[in-house]
C-alpha atoms as a PDB file:
ATOM      1  CA  MET A   1      -5.371   9.128 -15.236  1.00  0.00           C
ATOM      2  CA  TYR A   2      -3.143   7.372 -12.763  1.00  0.00           C
ATOM      3  CA  ALA A   3      -0.636   8.332 -10.099  1.00  0.00           C
ATOM      4  CA  ILE A   4       2.279   6.688  -8.343  1.00  0.00           C
ATOM      5  CA  VAL A   5       1.686   7.323  -4.640  1.00  0.00           C
ATOM      6  CA  GLU A   6       3.636   6.404  -1.518  1.00  0.00           C
ATOM      7  CA  ILE A   7       1.450   4.712   1.097  1.00  0.00           C
ATOM      8  CA  ALA A   8       2.968   3.479   4.368  1.00  0.00           C
ATOM      9  CA  GLY A   9       6.482   3.412   2.914  1.00  0.00           C
ATOM     10  CA  GLN A  10       5.604   1.546  -0.298  1.00  0.00           C
ATOM     11  CA  GLN A  11       4.823   2.812  -3.798  1.00  0.00           C
ATOM     12  CA  PHE A  12       1.565   1.907  -5.535  1.00  0.00           C
ATOM     13  CA  LYS A  13      -0.058   2.708  -8.866  1.00  0.00           C
ATOM     14  CA  ALA A  14      -3.371   4.373  -8.025  1.00  0.00           C
ATOM     15  CA  GLU A  15      -6.234   4.640 -10.491  1.00  0.00           C
ATOM     16  CA  ALA A  16      -9.816   5.674  -9.777  1.00  0.00           C
ATOM     17  CA  GLY A  17     -11.885   2.603  -8.892  1.00  0.00           C
ATOM     18  CA  ARG A  18      -8.889   0.365  -8.197  1.00  0.00           C
ATOM     19  CA  LYS A  19      -8.597  -1.646  -4.965  1.00  0.00           C
ATOM     20  CA  LEU A  20      -5.249  -1.966  -3.193  1.00  0.00           C
ATOM     21  CA  TYR A  21      -3.902  -3.975  -0.280  1.00  0.00           C
ATOM     22  CA  VAL A  22      -1.531  -1.834   1.815  1.00  0.00           C
ATOM     23  CA  HIS A  23       0.105  -2.140   5.223  1.00  0.00           C
ATOM     24  CA  ARG A  24      -2.287  -1.573   8.142  1.00  0.00           C
ATOM     25  CA  LEU A  25      -3.589   2.003   8.235  1.00  0.00           C
ATOM     26  CA  GLU A  26      -5.133   3.928  11.115  1.00  0.00           C
ATOM     27  CA  GLY A  27      -8.874   4.372  10.847  1.00  0.00           C
ATOM     28  CA  ASN A  28     -12.069   2.365  10.826  1.00  0.00           C
ATOM     29  CA  GLU A  29     -13.814   0.618   7.964  1.00  0.00           C
ATOM     30  CA  GLY A  30     -15.723   3.138   5.877  1.00  0.00           C
ATOM     31  CA  ASP A  31     -13.432   6.068   6.749  1.00  0.00           C
ATOM     32  CA  ASN A  32     -11.995   8.260   4.008  1.00  0.00           C
ATOM     33  CA  VAL A  33      -8.227   8.773   3.864  1.00  0.00           C
ATOM     34  CA  SER A  34      -6.080  10.962   1.635  1.00  0.00           C
ATOM     35  CA  PHE A  35      -2.454  10.603   0.589  1.00  0.00           C
ATOM     36  CA  ASP A  36      -0.391  13.610  -0.443  1.00  0.00           C
ATOM     37  CA  ARG A  37       2.938  11.864  -1.203  1.00  0.00           C
ATOM     38  CA  VAL A  38       2.282  11.660  -4.948  1.00  0.00           C
ATOM     39  CA  LEU A  39       5.504  10.923  -6.842  1.00  0.00           C
ATOM     40  CA  LEU A  40       4.216  10.905 -10.440  1.00  0.00           C
ATOM     41  CA  THR A  41       1.014  11.617 -12.332  1.00  0.00           C
ATOM     42  CA  ASP A  42       0.001  10.666 -15.861  1.00  0.00           C
ATOM     43  CA  ASP A  43      -3.015  12.313 -17.497  1.00  0.00           C
ATOM     44  CA  ASN A  44      -3.470  10.790 -20.970  1.00  0.00           C
ATOM     45  CA  GLY A  45       0.220  10.973 -21.864  1.00  0.00           C
ATOM     46  CA  THR A  46       1.021  14.166 -19.956  1.00  0.00           C
ATOM     47  CA  VAL A  47       3.512  12.981 -17.331  1.00  0.00           C
ATOM     48  CA  ASN A  48       4.282  15.140 -14.290  1.00  0.00           C
ATOM     49  CA  VAL A  49       7.223  13.929 -12.202  1.00  0.00           C
ATOM     50  CA  GLY A  50       7.746  15.357  -8.725  1.00  0.00           C
ATOM     51  CA  ALA A  51      11.023  16.303  -7.136  1.00  0.00           C
ATOM     52  CA  PRO A  52      10.451  14.518  -4.743  1.00  0.00           C
ATOM     53  CA  THR A  53       6.638  14.941  -4.794  1.00  0.00           C
ATOM     54  CA  VAL A  54       4.062  16.586  -7.030  1.00  0.00           C
ATOM     55  CA  SER A  55       2.547  19.560  -5.236  1.00  0.00           C
ATOM     56  CA  GLY A  56      -1.193  20.174  -5.147  1.00  0.00           C
ATOM     57  CA  ILE A  57      -2.218  16.593  -5.949  1.00  0.00           C
ATOM     58  CA  LYS A  58      -3.904  14.265  -3.437  1.00  0.00           C
ATOM     59  CA  VAL A  59      -5.218  10.734  -3.757  1.00  0.00           C
ATOM     60  CA  ASN A  60      -8.491  10.125  -1.915  1.00  0.00           C
ATOM     61  CA  ALA A  61      -9.410   6.599  -0.858  1.00  0.00           C
ATOM     62  CA  LYS A  62     -11.888   4.730   1.325  1.00  0.00           C
ATOM     63  CA  ILE A  63     -10.982   1.981   3.806  1.00  0.00           C
ATOM     64  CA  LEU A  64     -12.901  -1.164   2.880  1.00  0.00           C
ATOM     65  CA  ALA A  65     -11.567  -3.751   5.355  1.00  0.00           C
ATOM     66  CA  HIS A  66      -8.816  -4.660   7.799  1.00  0.00           C
ATOM     67  CA  LEU A  67      -7.532  -8.193   7.313  1.00  0.00           C
ATOM     68  CA  LYS A  68      -4.514 -10.470   7.571  1.00  0.00           C
ATOM     69  CA  ASP A  69      -2.428 -11.930   4.753  1.00  0.00           C
ATOM     70  CA  ASP A  70      -1.630 -15.623   4.308  1.00  0.00           C
ATOM     71  CA  LYS A  71       0.746 -17.195   6.787  1.00  0.00           C
ATOM     72  CA  VAL A  72       4.441 -17.112   5.941  1.00  0.00           C
ATOM     73  CA  LEU A  73       6.571 -19.839   7.545  1.00  0.00           C
ATOM     74  CA  ILE A  74      10.191 -19.189   8.440  1.00  0.00           C
ATOM     75  CA  PHE A  75      12.261 -22.324   9.009  1.00  0.00           C
ATOM     76  CA  LYS A  76      15.851 -22.145  10.235  1.00  0.00           C
ATOM     77  CA  LYS A  77      18.170 -25.130  10.521  1.00  0.00           C
ATOM     78  CA  LYS A  78      21.859 -25.766  11.110  1.00  0.00           C
ATOM     79  CA  ARG A  79      23.226 -29.053   9.912  1.00  0.00           C
ATOM     80  CA  ARG A  80      24.593 -31.513  12.454  1.00  0.00           C
ATOM     81  CA  LYS A  81      23.904 -29.109  15.339  1.00  0.00           C
ATOM     82  CA  THR A  82      20.376 -30.296  16.240  1.00  0.00           C
ATOM     83  CA  TYR A  83      19.147 -26.741  15.766  1.00  0.00           C
ATOM     84  CA  LYS A  84      15.730 -26.271  14.152  1.00  0.00           C
ATOM     85  CA  LYS A  85      13.372 -23.339  14.563  1.00  0.00           C
ATOM     86  CA  LEU A  86       9.970 -22.746  12.971  1.00  0.00           C
ATOM     87  CA  GLN A  87       8.218 -19.377  13.099  1.00  0.00           C
ATOM     88  CA  GLY A  88       5.058 -18.139  11.457  1.00  0.00           C
ATOM     89  CA  HIS A  89       3.896 -14.640  10.602  1.00  0.00           C
ATOM     90  CA  ARG A  90       0.706 -13.074   9.224  1.00  0.00           C
ATOM     91  CA  GLN A  91       1.016  -9.503   7.962  1.00  0.00           C
ATOM     92  CA  SER A  92      -1.780  -7.076   8.877  1.00  0.00           C
ATOM     93  CA  LEU A  93      -3.235  -5.423   5.777  1.00  0.00           C
ATOM     94  CA  THR A  94      -5.841  -2.823   4.898  1.00  0.00           C
ATOM     95  CA  GLN A  95      -7.897  -2.970   1.729  1.00  0.00           C
ATOM     96  CA  ILE A  96      -8.584   0.464   0.245  1.00  0.00           C
ATOM     97  CA  ALA A  97     -10.510   1.635  -2.814  1.00  0.00           C
ATOM     98  CA  ILE A  98      -9.153   4.636  -4.718  1.00  0.00           C
ATOM     99  CA  GLU A  99     -11.944   7.165  -5.234  1.00  0.00           C
ATOM    100  CA  SER A 100     -10.282  10.140  -6.911  1.00  0.00           C
ATOM    101  CA  ILE A 101      -6.964  11.688  -7.890  1.00  0.00           C
ATOM    102  CA  GLY A 102      -6.465  15.422  -7.844  1.00  0.00           C
END
């Protein structure tokens, strides 16, 4: 069984035992979180599509770690204008483990 769930504005495929990296969530490491914005469920070929969400289904997960992604460099330049700008950014992420669906 798997479900398409919306977590922090993004959609993820959630299966029991799967680990996901999502945008930073509130909570400490080891806390349990649940998501009720389930958009689709599939139980061995039986597909249930929500309009917009499937009612009565929750995805339970556990926060494993808070970490940062690799650095992304943004370089801007305008030719013949002596304009150059370099910026860096590291996105804050949370690693979660999906425990159950339903």
